[in-house]
Amino acid sequence: MIKKAWLSFCREKGFVEYQYSNAVGFHASAAQAPTGHRIPWGKQGDRRSSMLRNVAKGHIWQFGVTAMPYFWPLWHLKLKSRVLFSVDNNTAEGLGIDDARKLHRLRRSICKGWRNKQWHGRMLAFLELLSGESAYIRLSLSANAALAIEAAPMLFSSPVSTALPDVLDADEEEADISTLGRPDNDDEADA
């Protein structure tokens, strides 16, 4: 029921529907997020923005999500990030690509430079489009019942962390040759 409500909600909002191998994903349309346009997100502290559609290497990429309902350990929707590509033919939508292998190669090449900050920003911008001015996404279950889902992701703290690359000093780069690749073998040098 929740999945059907999600599908109806996204279709009514005008998101672009795409059937992946095992699930349906929804992407921002050219009308919702014009190519190169930044979607503002974040109401506390600094306002930020992220693009959901842009052009790279002759292709238009579109960020989207697949939603999967889960009921343990608590009821929630898990959102899986998706990126869809079309050939840039100087139209807003581009020319669709039906070749799954080509789409896979494009995801591996164009998105490989995206780091957690970019993925996080795109997800929050997408949630901003879904919820509009509301703090909730309301999925209609019937004529007089709706499911209200918080539009903000669930926050948590991790007991472990790493130093972020944009905070590290250049002198803190890894210098130990044995961790950078195949270590030199002293036996081969003696032969």
N, C-alpha and C. Protein backbone atom coordinates (compact mmCIF):
# COMPACT_ATOMS: atom_id res chain seq x y z
N MET A 1 0.82 -1.19 0.00
CA MET A 1 0.00 0.00 0.00
C MET A 1 0.88 1.26 0.00
N ILE A 2 1.95 1.23 0.79
CA ILE A 2 2.84 2.38 0.86
C ILE A 2 3.55 2.58 -0.47
N LYS A 3 3.98 1.49 -1.08
CA LYS A 3 4.67 1.59 -2.37
C LYS A 3 3.73 2.16 -3.44
N LYS A 4 2.48 1.70 -3.46
CA LYS A 4 1.51 2.22 -4.43
C LYS A 4 1.26 3.71 -4.19
N ALA A 5 1.19 4.09 -2.92
CA ALA A 5 0.98 5.51 -2.59
C ALA A 5 2.17 6.35 -3.05
N TRP A 6 3.38 5.82 -2.88
CA TRP A 6 4.59 6.52 -3.32
C TRP A 6 4.58 6.71 -4.85
N LEU A 7 4.26 5.65 -5.57
CA LEU A 7 4.22 5.73 -7.03
C LEU A 7 3.20 6.76 -7.50
N SER A 8 2.02 6.75 -6.90
CA SER A 8 0.97 7.71 -7.27
C SER A 8 1.41 9.14 -6.96
N PHE A 9 2.04 9.33 -5.79
CA PHE A 9 2.50 10.66 -5.38
C PHE A 9 3.50 11.23 -6.39
N CYS A 10 4.50 10.43 -6.77
CA CYS A 10 5.54 10.90 -7.70
C CYS A 10 4.97 11.15 -9.09
N ARG A 11 4.06 10.32 -9.52
CA ARG A 11 3.43 10.51 -10.83
C ARG A 11 2.60 11.80 -10.85
N GLU A 12 1.84 12.04 -9.77
CA GLU A 12 1.02 13.25 -9.69
C GLU A 12 1.88 14.51 -9.66
N LYS A 13 3.06 14.43 -9.04
CA LYS A 13 3.97 15.58 -8.95
C LYS A 13 4.70 15.84 -10.27
N GLY A 14 4.61 14.91 -11.23
CA GLY A 14 5.22 15.11 -12.53
C GLY A 14 6.66 14.67 -12.65
N PHE A 15 7.13 13.80 -11.75
CA PHE A 15 8.49 13.30 -11.85
C PHE A 15 8.59 12.30 -13.01
N VAL A 16 9.77 12.20 -13.59
CA VAL A 16 10.01 11.29 -14.71
C VAL A 16 10.20 9.89 -14.15
N GLU A 17 9.39 8.95 -14.62
CA GLU A 17 9.42 7.57 -14.15
C GLU A 17 10.33 6.74 -15.05
N TYR A 18 11.19 5.91 -14.44
CA TYR A 18 12.07 5.04 -15.21
C TYR A 18 12.09 3.66 -14.56
N GLN A 19 11.88 2.63 -15.36
CA GLN A 19 11.88 1.26 -14.86
C GLN A 19 13.30 0.71 -14.89
N TYR A 20 13.91 0.56 -13.73
CA TYR A 20 15.23 -0.07 -13.63
C TYR A 20 15.02 -1.59 -13.62
N SER A 21 16.09 -2.35 -13.52
CA SER A 21 15.98 -3.80 -13.63
C SER A 21 15.08 -4.41 -12.56
N ASN A 22 15.07 -3.84 -11.35
CA ASN A 22 14.27 -4.46 -10.29
C ASN A 22 13.40 -3.46 -9.52
N ALA A 23 13.33 -2.23 -9.97
CA ALA A 23 12.53 -1.23 -9.25
C ALA A 23 12.26 -0.03 -10.14
N VAL A 24 11.32 0.79 -9.72
CA VAL A 24 10.98 2.02 -10.43
C VAL A 24 11.70 3.18 -9.75
N GLY A 25 12.32 4.04 -10.56
CA GLY A 25 12.95 5.24 -10.04
C GLY A 25 12.25 6.46 -10.58
N PHE A 26 12.31 7.55 -9.85
CA PHE A 26 11.73 8.81 -10.29
C PHE A 26 12.82 9.87 -10.31
N HIS A 27 12.82 10.67 -11.37
CA HIS A 27 13.83 11.70 -11.58
C HIS A 27 13.14 13.04 -11.79
N ALA A 28 13.87 14.10 -11.46
CA ALA A 28 13.33 15.44 -11.68
C ALA A 28 13.20 15.69 -13.17
N SER A 29 12.07 16.23 -13.58
CA SER A 29 11.84 16.52 -15.00
C SER A 29 12.53 17.84 -15.36
N ALA A 30 12.61 18.10 -16.65
CA ALA A 30 13.21 19.36 -17.13
C ALA A 30 12.42 20.56 -16.64
N ALA A 31 11.12 20.41 -16.45
CA ALA A 31 10.29 21.51 -15.95
C ALA A 31 10.54 21.76 -14.46
N GLN A 32 10.77 20.71 -13.69
CA GLN A 32 11.01 20.85 -12.26
C GLN A 32 12.41 21.35 -11.94
N ALA A 33 13.38 20.87 -12.70
CA ALA A 33 14.78 21.24 -12.47
C ALA A 33 15.45 21.42 -13.83
N PRO A 34 15.40 22.62 -14.37
CA PRO A 34 16.04 22.83 -15.67
C PRO A 34 17.54 22.48 -15.62
N THR A 35 18.07 22.08 -16.74
CA THR A 35 19.48 21.70 -16.82
C THR A 35 20.36 22.84 -16.33
N GLY A 36 21.25 22.52 -15.38
CA GLY A 36 22.18 23.51 -14.83
C GLY A 36 21.60 24.38 -13.73
N HIS A 37 20.33 24.21 -13.41
CA HIS A 37 19.67 25.01 -12.36
C HIS A 37 19.90 24.38 -11.00
N ARG A 38 20.26 25.18 -10.01
CA ARG A 38 20.50 24.69 -8.66
C ARG A 38 19.21 24.76 -7.84
N ILE A 39 18.92 23.70 -7.10
CA ILE A 39 17.74 23.63 -6.24
C ILE A 39 18.19 23.95 -4.81
N PRO A 40 17.66 25.02 -4.21
CA PRO A 40 18.07 25.36 -2.84
C PRO A 40 17.52 24.36 -1.83
N TRP A 41 18.31 24.07 -0.80
CA TRP A 41 17.89 23.19 0.29
C TRP A 41 18.57 23.66 1.57
N GLY A 42 18.05 23.23 2.70
CA GLY A 42 18.62 23.58 4.00
C GLY A 42 18.01 24.84 4.55
N LYS A 43 17.21 24.70 5.55
CA LYS A 43 16.53 25.85 6.13
C LYS A 43 17.21 26.34 7.41
N GLN A 44 18.14 25.56 7.94
CA GLN A 44 18.86 25.96 9.15
C GLN A 44 20.29 26.31 8.79
N GLY A 45 20.78 27.40 9.32
CA GLY A 45 22.15 27.79 9.02
C GLY A 45 22.28 28.26 7.58
N ASP A 46 23.37 27.93 6.96
CA ASP A 46 23.64 28.35 5.58
C ASP A 46 22.69 27.65 4.61
N ARG A 47 22.16 28.44 3.67
CA ARG A 47 21.35 27.86 2.60
C ARG A 47 22.31 27.26 1.59
N ARG A 48 21.99 26.10 1.11
CA ARG A 48 22.82 25.43 0.13
C ARG A 48 21.97 25.07 -1.06
N SER A 49 22.63 24.62 -2.12
CA SER A 49 21.88 24.22 -3.31
C SER A 49 22.66 23.16 -4.06
N SER A 50 21.93 22.37 -4.84
CA SER A 50 22.54 21.32 -5.64
C SER A 50 21.76 21.18 -6.94
N MET A 51 22.47 20.69 -7.96
CA MET A 51 21.83 20.45 -9.25
C MET A 51 21.27 19.04 -9.29
N LEU A 52 20.13 18.89 -9.93
CA LEU A 52 19.53 17.58 -10.13
C LEU A 52 19.59 17.17 -11.60
N ARG A 53 19.94 18.12 -12.46
CA ARG A 53 20.09 17.84 -13.89
C ARG A 53 21.20 18.74 -14.42
N ASN A 54 22.08 18.16 -15.24
CA ASN A 54 23.13 18.96 -15.85
C ASN A 54 23.69 18.21 -17.06
N VAL A 55 24.61 18.84 -17.77
CA VAL A 55 25.23 18.25 -18.94
C VAL A 55 26.69 17.93 -18.62
N ALA A 56 27.13 16.73 -19.01
CA ALA A 56 28.53 16.33 -18.86
C ALA A 56 28.87 15.36 -19.99
N LYS A 57 29.98 15.59 -20.64
CA LYS A 57 30.48 14.71 -21.71
C LYS A 57 29.42 14.40 -22.77
N GLY A 58 28.67 15.42 -23.16
CA GLY A 58 27.68 15.24 -24.22
C GLY A 58 26.41 14.52 -23.80
N HIS A 59 26.21 14.35 -22.50
CA HIS A 59 25.01 13.67 -21.99
C HIS A 59 24.36 14.51 -20.89
N ILE A 60 23.06 14.43 -20.82
CA ILE A 60 22.32 15.07 -19.73
C ILE A 60 22.15 14.02 -18.64
N TRP A 61 22.60 14.34 -17.42
CA TRP A 61 22.37 13.42 -16.31
C TRP A 61 21.23 13.96 -15.46
N GLN A 62 20.46 13.04 -14.90
CA GLN A 62 19.32 13.39 -14.05
C GLN A 62 19.41 12.57 -12.78
N PHE A 63 19.41 13.25 -11.64
CA PHE A 63 19.44 12.55 -10.36
C PHE A 63 18.01 12.15 -10.00
N GLY A 64 17.86 11.00 -9.38
CA GLY A 64 16.55 10.54 -8.94
C GLY A 64 16.68 9.54 -7.82
N VAL A 65 15.56 9.00 -7.40
CA VAL A 65 15.55 8.03 -6.30
C VAL A 65 14.57 6.90 -6.57
N THR A 66 14.84 5.79 -5.92
CA THR A 66 13.90 4.69 -5.80
C THR A 66 13.58 4.59 -4.32
N ALA A 67 12.31 4.49 -3.98
CA ALA A 67 11.91 4.39 -2.57
C ALA A 67 11.48 2.97 -2.27
N MET A 68 11.97 2.45 -1.14
CA MET A 68 11.63 1.10 -0.71
C MET A 68 11.14 1.17 0.73
N PRO A 69 9.90 0.73 0.99
CA PRO A 69 9.40 0.74 2.37
C PRO A 69 10.04 -0.36 3.21
N TYR A 70 10.41 -0.03 4.43
CA TYR A 70 10.96 -0.99 5.39
C TYR A 70 10.20 -0.83 6.70
N PHE A 71 10.08 -1.93 7.44
CA PHE A 71 9.29 -1.91 8.66
C PHE A 71 10.08 -2.30 9.91
N TRP A 72 11.38 -2.52 9.73
CA TRP A 72 12.21 -2.86 10.88
C TRP A 72 13.51 -2.09 10.80
N PRO A 73 14.05 -1.55 11.81
CA PRO A 73 13.61 -1.59 13.20
C PRO A 73 12.48 -0.59 13.49
N LEU A 74 12.20 0.28 12.52
CA LEU A 74 11.06 1.18 12.60
C LEU A 74 10.56 1.40 11.18
N TRP A 75 9.35 1.88 11.03
CA TRP A 75 8.78 2.10 9.72
C TRP A 75 9.52 3.27 9.06
N HIS A 76 9.99 3.06 7.84
CA HIS A 76 10.67 4.13 7.12
C HIS A 76 10.74 3.80 5.63
N LEU A 77 11.04 4.83 4.84
CA LEU A 77 11.29 4.67 3.42
C LEU A 77 12.79 4.80 3.21
N LYS A 78 13.38 3.82 2.58
CA LYS A 78 14.79 3.89 2.23
C LYS A 78 14.85 4.43 0.81
N LEU A 79 15.62 5.49 0.61
CA LEU A 79 15.76 6.09 -0.70
C LEU A 79 17.10 5.69 -1.31
N LYS A 80 17.05 5.13 -2.49
CA LYS A 80 18.26 4.72 -3.19
C LYS A 80 18.52 5.74 -4.30
N SER A 81 19.71 6.30 -4.32
CA SER A 81 20.07 7.29 -5.34
C SER A 81 20.19 6.63 -6.71
N ARG A 82 19.72 7.34 -7.71
CA ARG A 82 19.77 6.87 -9.10
C ARG A 82 20.25 8.01 -9.98
N VAL A 83 20.93 7.67 -11.07
CA VAL A 83 21.31 8.65 -12.07
C VAL A 83 20.95 8.08 -13.43
N LEU A 84 20.24 8.86 -14.20
CA LEU A 84 19.78 8.46 -15.52
C LEU A 84 20.41 9.41 -16.54
N PHE A 85 20.73 8.91 -17.71
CA PHE A 85 21.38 9.72 -18.74
C PHE A 85 20.58 9.74 -20.02
N SER A 86 20.73 10.83 -20.76
CA SER A 86 20.20 10.94 -22.11
C SER A 86 21.24 11.69 -22.94
N VAL A 87 21.18 11.50 -24.24
CA VAL A 87 22.12 12.18 -25.14
C VAL A 87 21.68 13.63 -25.29
N ASP A 88 22.62 14.55 -25.14
CA ASP A 88 22.31 15.97 -25.27
C ASP A 88 22.12 16.30 -26.75
N ASN A 89 20.87 16.54 -27.13
CA ASN A 89 20.56 16.91 -28.52
C ASN A 89 19.97 18.31 -28.57
N ASN A 90 20.38 19.16 -27.63
CA ASN A 90 19.94 20.56 -27.54
C ASN A 90 18.45 20.71 -27.26
N THR A 91 17.84 19.69 -26.64
CA THR A 91 16.47 19.81 -26.14
C THR A 91 16.54 19.68 -24.63
N ALA A 92 15.48 20.07 -23.95
CA ALA A 92 15.47 20.03 -22.49
C ALA A 92 15.59 18.61 -21.94
N GLU A 93 14.94 17.65 -22.60
CA GLU A 93 14.93 16.27 -22.10
C GLU A 93 16.10 15.44 -22.63
N GLY A 94 16.59 15.76 -23.80
CA GLY A 94 17.63 14.95 -24.42
C GLY A 94 17.03 13.72 -25.08
N LEU A 95 17.87 12.93 -25.71
CA LEU A 95 17.44 11.72 -26.41
C LEU A 95 17.71 10.53 -25.50
N GLY A 96 16.66 9.81 -25.12
CA GLY A 96 16.77 8.69 -24.19
C GLY A 96 17.72 7.61 -24.67
N ILE A 97 18.35 6.92 -23.72
CA ILE A 97 19.26 5.83 -24.01
C ILE A 97 18.63 4.55 -23.48
N ASP A 98 18.45 3.56 -24.36
CA ASP A 98 17.82 2.29 -23.96
C ASP A 98 18.84 1.20 -23.64
N ASP A 99 20.10 1.43 -23.92
CA ASP A 99 21.14 0.44 -23.70
C ASP A 99 21.60 0.44 -22.24
N ALA A 100 21.27 -0.62 -21.50
CA ALA A 100 21.61 -0.70 -20.07
C ALA A 100 23.12 -0.68 -19.85
N ARG A 101 23.87 -1.29 -20.74
CA ARG A 101 25.33 -1.32 -20.59
C ARG A 101 25.92 0.09 -20.75
N LYS A 102 25.39 0.85 -21.69
CA LYS A 102 25.87 2.21 -21.89
C LYS A 102 25.53 3.08 -20.68
N LEU A 103 24.31 2.92 -20.15
CA LEU A 103 23.93 3.66 -18.94
C LEU A 103 24.86 3.32 -17.78
N HIS A 104 25.20 2.06 -17.65
CA HIS A 104 26.11 1.62 -16.58
C HIS A 104 27.49 2.27 -16.75
N ARG A 105 28.01 2.27 -17.97
CA ARG A 105 29.32 2.90 -18.23
C ARG A 105 29.28 4.39 -17.92
N LEU A 106 28.20 5.06 -18.30
CA LEU A 106 28.08 6.49 -18.03
C LEU A 106 28.03 6.76 -16.52
N ARG A 107 27.31 5.92 -15.77
CA ARG A 107 27.27 6.09 -14.31
C ARG A 107 28.67 5.94 -13.72
N ARG A 108 29.42 4.98 -14.23
CA ARG A 108 30.77 4.72 -13.71
C ARG A 108 31.76 5.81 -14.10
N SER A 109 31.56 6.45 -15.24
CA SER A 109 32.53 7.47 -15.66
C SER A 109 32.14 8.88 -15.20
N ILE A 110 30.92 9.30 -15.45
CA ILE A 110 30.51 10.67 -15.12
C ILE A 110 30.35 10.87 -13.62
N CYS A 111 29.82 9.89 -12.92
CA CYS A 111 29.55 10.04 -11.49
C CYS A 111 30.73 9.67 -10.60
N LYS A 112 31.82 9.18 -11.18
CA LYS A 112 32.92 8.70 -10.35
C LYS A 112 33.57 9.81 -9.52
N GLY A 113 33.47 11.04 -9.97
CA GLY A 113 34.05 12.15 -9.22
C GLY A 113 33.14 12.70 -8.12
N TRP A 114 31.90 12.24 -8.09
CA TRP A 114 30.99 12.73 -7.07
C TRP A 114 31.38 12.11 -5.73
N ARG A 115 31.45 12.90 -4.72
CA ARG A 115 31.78 12.42 -3.38
C ARG A 115 30.54 12.51 -2.51
N ASN A 116 30.67 12.10 -1.26
CA ASN A 116 29.52 12.06 -0.35
C ASN A 116 28.79 13.40 -0.27
N LYS A 117 29.53 14.51 -0.29
CA LYS A 117 28.88 15.83 -0.21
C LYS A 117 27.95 16.06 -1.39
N GLN A 118 28.38 15.67 -2.59
CA GLN A 118 27.54 15.85 -3.78
C GLN A 118 26.32 14.95 -3.73
N TRP A 119 26.50 13.69 -3.38
CA TRP A 119 25.37 12.77 -3.29
C TRP A 119 24.39 13.25 -2.23
N HIS A 120 24.91 13.67 -1.08
CA HIS A 120 24.07 14.16 0.02
C HIS A 120 23.28 15.41 -0.42
N GLY A 121 23.96 16.35 -1.05
CA GLY A 121 23.30 17.57 -1.50
C GLY A 121 22.22 17.29 -2.53
N ARG A 122 22.49 16.39 -3.45
CA ARG A 122 21.49 16.05 -4.47
C ARG A 122 20.27 15.39 -3.83
N MET A 123 20.52 14.52 -2.84
CA MET A 123 19.40 13.87 -2.16
C MET A 123 18.54 14.91 -1.43
N LEU A 124 19.16 15.85 -0.74
CA LEU A 124 18.39 16.87 -0.03
C LEU A 124 17.66 17.80 -0.99
N ALA A 125 18.27 18.11 -2.12
CA ALA A 125 17.58 18.93 -3.12
C ALA A 125 16.37 18.18 -3.68
N PHE A 126 16.52 16.88 -3.90
CA PHE A 126 15.41 16.07 -4.40
C PHE A 126 14.28 16.02 -3.37
N LEU A 127 14.63 15.85 -2.10
CA LEU A 127 13.62 15.85 -1.04
C LEU A 127 12.91 17.20 -0.95
N GLU A 128 13.64 18.27 -1.22
CA GLU A 128 13.05 19.61 -1.24
C GLU A 128 12.00 19.71 -2.35
N LEU A 129 12.30 19.16 -3.52
CA LEU A 129 11.31 19.14 -4.60
C LEU A 129 10.09 18.32 -4.23
N LEU A 130 10.32 17.18 -3.57
CA LEU A 130 9.21 16.31 -3.18
C LEU A 130 8.28 16.98 -2.17
N SER A 131 8.86 17.64 -1.18
CA SER A 131 8.05 18.16 -0.08
C SER A 131 7.57 19.59 -0.29
N GLY A 132 8.22 20.36 -1.15
CA GLY A 132 7.84 21.75 -1.34
C GLY A 132 8.08 22.56 -0.08
N GLU A 133 7.10 23.29 0.35
CA GLU A 133 7.22 24.12 1.55
C GLU A 133 6.95 23.35 2.84
N SER A 134 6.48 22.14 2.73
CA SER A 134 6.12 21.35 3.90
C SER A 134 7.33 20.61 4.47
N ALA A 135 7.28 20.30 5.74
CA ALA A 135 8.32 19.50 6.38
C ALA A 135 8.04 18.01 6.19
N TYR A 136 6.91 17.70 5.55
CA TYR A 136 6.50 16.31 5.37
C TYR A 136 6.15 16.02 3.92
N ILE A 137 6.28 14.77 3.56
CA ILE A 137 5.79 14.26 2.29
C ILE A 137 4.54 13.47 2.65
N ARG A 138 3.42 13.86 2.08
CA ARG A 138 2.15 13.21 2.42
C ARG A 138 1.71 12.28 1.30
N LEU A 139 1.71 10.99 1.62
CA LEU A 139 1.30 9.97 0.67
C LEU A 139 -0.16 9.61 0.94
N SER A 140 -1.01 9.80 -0.04
CA SER A 140 -2.43 9.52 0.10
C SER A 140 -2.67 8.01 0.08
N LEU A 141 -3.25 7.48 1.16
CA LEU A 141 -3.56 6.06 1.25
C LEU A 141 -5.01 5.77 0.85
N SER A 142 -5.86 6.76 1.05
CA SER A 142 -7.27 6.66 0.65
C SER A 142 -7.82 8.07 0.54
N ALA A 143 -9.11 8.18 0.31
CA ALA A 143 -9.72 9.51 0.15
C ALA A 143 -9.59 10.35 1.42
N ASN A 144 -9.54 9.71 2.59
CA ASN A 144 -9.47 10.48 3.83
C ASN A 144 -8.34 10.04 4.77
N ALA A 145 -7.32 9.36 4.24
CA ALA A 145 -6.19 8.95 5.07
C ALA A 145 -4.88 9.15 4.29
N ALA A 146 -3.89 9.69 4.99
CA ALA A 146 -2.59 9.92 4.37
C ALA A 146 -1.48 9.53 5.33
N LEU A 147 -0.36 9.17 4.78
CA LEU A 147 0.82 8.84 5.55
C LEU A 147 1.77 10.03 5.46
N ALA A 148 2.14 10.61 6.60
CA ALA A 148 3.05 11.75 6.62
C ALA A 148 4.46 11.25 6.92
N ILE A 149 5.37 11.52 6.01
CA ILE A 149 6.76 11.11 6.17
C ILE A 149 7.61 12.37 6.28
N GLU A 150 8.49 12.40 7.27
CA GLU A 150 9.38 13.55 7.41
C GLU A 150 10.23 13.68 6.16
N ALA A 151 10.35 14.90 5.66
CA ALA A 151 11.13 15.15 4.44
C ALA A 151 12.63 15.21 4.72
N ALA A 152 13.01 15.34 5.97
CA ALA A 152 14.44 15.37 6.33
C ALA A 152 14.92 13.95 6.60
N PRO A 153 16.12 13.62 6.15
CA PRO A 153 16.64 12.27 6.42
C PRO A 153 16.85 12.05 7.90
N MET A 154 16.84 10.80 8.29
CA MET A 154 17.07 10.43 9.67
C MET A 154 18.54 10.70 10.01
N LEU A 155 18.80 11.39 11.09
CA LEU A 155 20.16 11.70 11.50
C LEU A 155 20.66 10.67 12.49
N PHE A 156 21.95 10.42 12.47
CA PHE A 156 22.55 9.49 13.42
C PHE A 156 24.00 9.88 13.64
N SER A 157 24.57 9.36 14.71
CA SER A 157 25.98 9.58 15.01
C SER A 157 26.71 8.26 14.89
N SER A 158 27.91 8.33 14.38
CA SER A 158 28.73 7.12 14.22
C SER A 158 29.86 7.16 15.24
N PRO A 159 30.17 6.02 15.85
CA PRO A 159 31.26 6.01 16.81
C PRO A 159 32.64 6.07 16.14
N VAL A 160 32.70 5.91 14.83
CA VAL A 160 33.97 5.99 14.10
C VAL A 160 33.87 7.04 13.01
N SER A 161 35.00 7.55 12.58
CA SER A 161 35.02 8.57 11.55
C SER A 161 36.37 8.56 10.85
N THR A 162 36.46 9.32 9.79
CA THR A 162 37.73 9.51 9.09
C THR A 162 37.93 11.00 8.89
N ALA A 163 39.15 11.38 8.64
CA ALA A 163 39.40 12.78 8.30
C ALA A 163 38.90 13.02 6.88
N LEU A 164 38.16 14.08 6.69
CA LEU A 164 37.61 14.37 5.37
C LEU A 164 38.70 14.91 4.45
N PRO A 165 38.71 14.49 3.17
CA PRO A 165 39.77 14.91 2.26
C PRO A 165 39.85 16.41 2.06
N ASP A 166 38.72 17.13 2.17
CA ASP A 166 38.78 18.57 1.96
C ASP A 166 39.27 19.32 3.19
N VAL A 167 39.54 18.58 4.29
CA VAL A 167 40.07 19.19 5.51
C VAL A 167 41.56 18.88 5.67
N LEU A 168 42.00 17.80 5.04
CA LEU A 168 43.39 17.38 5.16
C LEU A 168 44.34 18.37 4.51
N ASP A 169 45.48 18.55 5.13
CA ASP A 169 46.56 19.35 4.57
C ASP A 169 47.30 18.49 3.54
N ALA A 170 47.89 19.10 2.55
CA ALA A 170 48.62 18.34 1.52
C ALA A 170 49.73 17.50 2.13
N ASP A 171 50.33 17.97 3.26
CA ASP A 171 51.41 17.23 3.92
C ASP A 171 50.90 15.97 4.61
N GLU A 172 49.59 15.87 4.80
CA GLU A 172 49.03 14.72 5.47
C GLU A 172 48.68 13.59 4.50
N GLU A 173 48.98 13.76 3.23
CA GLU A 173 48.75 12.70 2.26
C GLU A 173 49.58 11.48 2.62
N GLU A 174 49.11 10.34 2.22
CA GLU A 174 49.80 9.08 2.50
C GLU A 174 51.17 9.08 1.84
N ALA A 175 52.21 8.77 2.61
CA ALA A 175 53.57 8.76 2.07
C ALA A 175 54.17 7.35 2.10
N ASP A 176 53.57 6.45 2.84
CA ASP A 176 54.09 5.10 2.96
C ASP A 176 53.86 4.35 1.65
N ILE A 177 54.94 4.04 0.93
CA ILE A 177 54.85 3.42 -0.39
C ILE A 177 54.14 2.07 -0.35
N SER A 178 54.21 1.37 0.78
CA SER A 178 53.58 0.05 0.86
C SER A 178 52.06 0.12 0.85
N THR A 179 51.49 1.27 1.18
CA THR A 179 50.03 1.40 1.16
C THR A 179 49.54 2.02 -0.14
N LEU A 180 50.45 2.53 -0.94
CA LEU A 180 50.06 3.19 -2.18
C LEU A 180 49.99 2.26 -3.38
N GLY A 181 50.51 1.09 -3.26
CA GLY A 181 50.49 0.16 -4.38
C GLY A 181 51.29 -1.08 -4.01
N ARG A 182 51.73 -1.76 -5.00
CA ARG A 182 52.50 -2.97 -4.78
C ARG A 182 53.87 -2.60 -4.21
N PRO A 183 54.23 -3.12 -3.04
CA PRO A 183 55.54 -2.77 -2.48
C PRO A 183 56.65 -3.42 -3.28
N ASP A 184 57.80 -2.76 -3.27
CA ASP A 184 58.96 -3.33 -3.95
C ASP A 184 59.37 -4.60 -3.24
N ASN A 185 59.71 -5.61 -4.02
CA ASN A 185 60.13 -6.89 -3.46
C ASN A 185 61.65 -6.95 -3.51
N ASP A 186 62.28 -7.00 -2.35
CA ASP A 186 63.72 -7.02 -2.27
C ASP A 186 64.31 -8.26 -2.96
N ASP A 187 63.56 -9.38 -2.95
CA ASP A 187 64.04 -10.60 -3.58
C ASP A 187 64.23 -10.42 -5.07
N GLU A 188 63.29 -9.65 -5.74
CA GLU A 188 63.38 -9.44 -7.17
C GLU A 188 64.58 -8.56 -7.51
N ALA A 189 64.91 -7.62 -6.62
CA ALA A 189 66.04 -6.72 -6.87
C ALA A 189 67.35 -7.48 -6.80
N ASP A 190 67.44 -8.51 -5.95
CA ASP A 190 68.66 -9.28 -5.79
C ASP A 190 68.88 -10.24 -6.95
N ALA A 191 67.85 -10.61 -7.68
CA ALA A 191 67.98 -11.61 -8.75
C ALA A 191 68.63 -11.10 -9.99
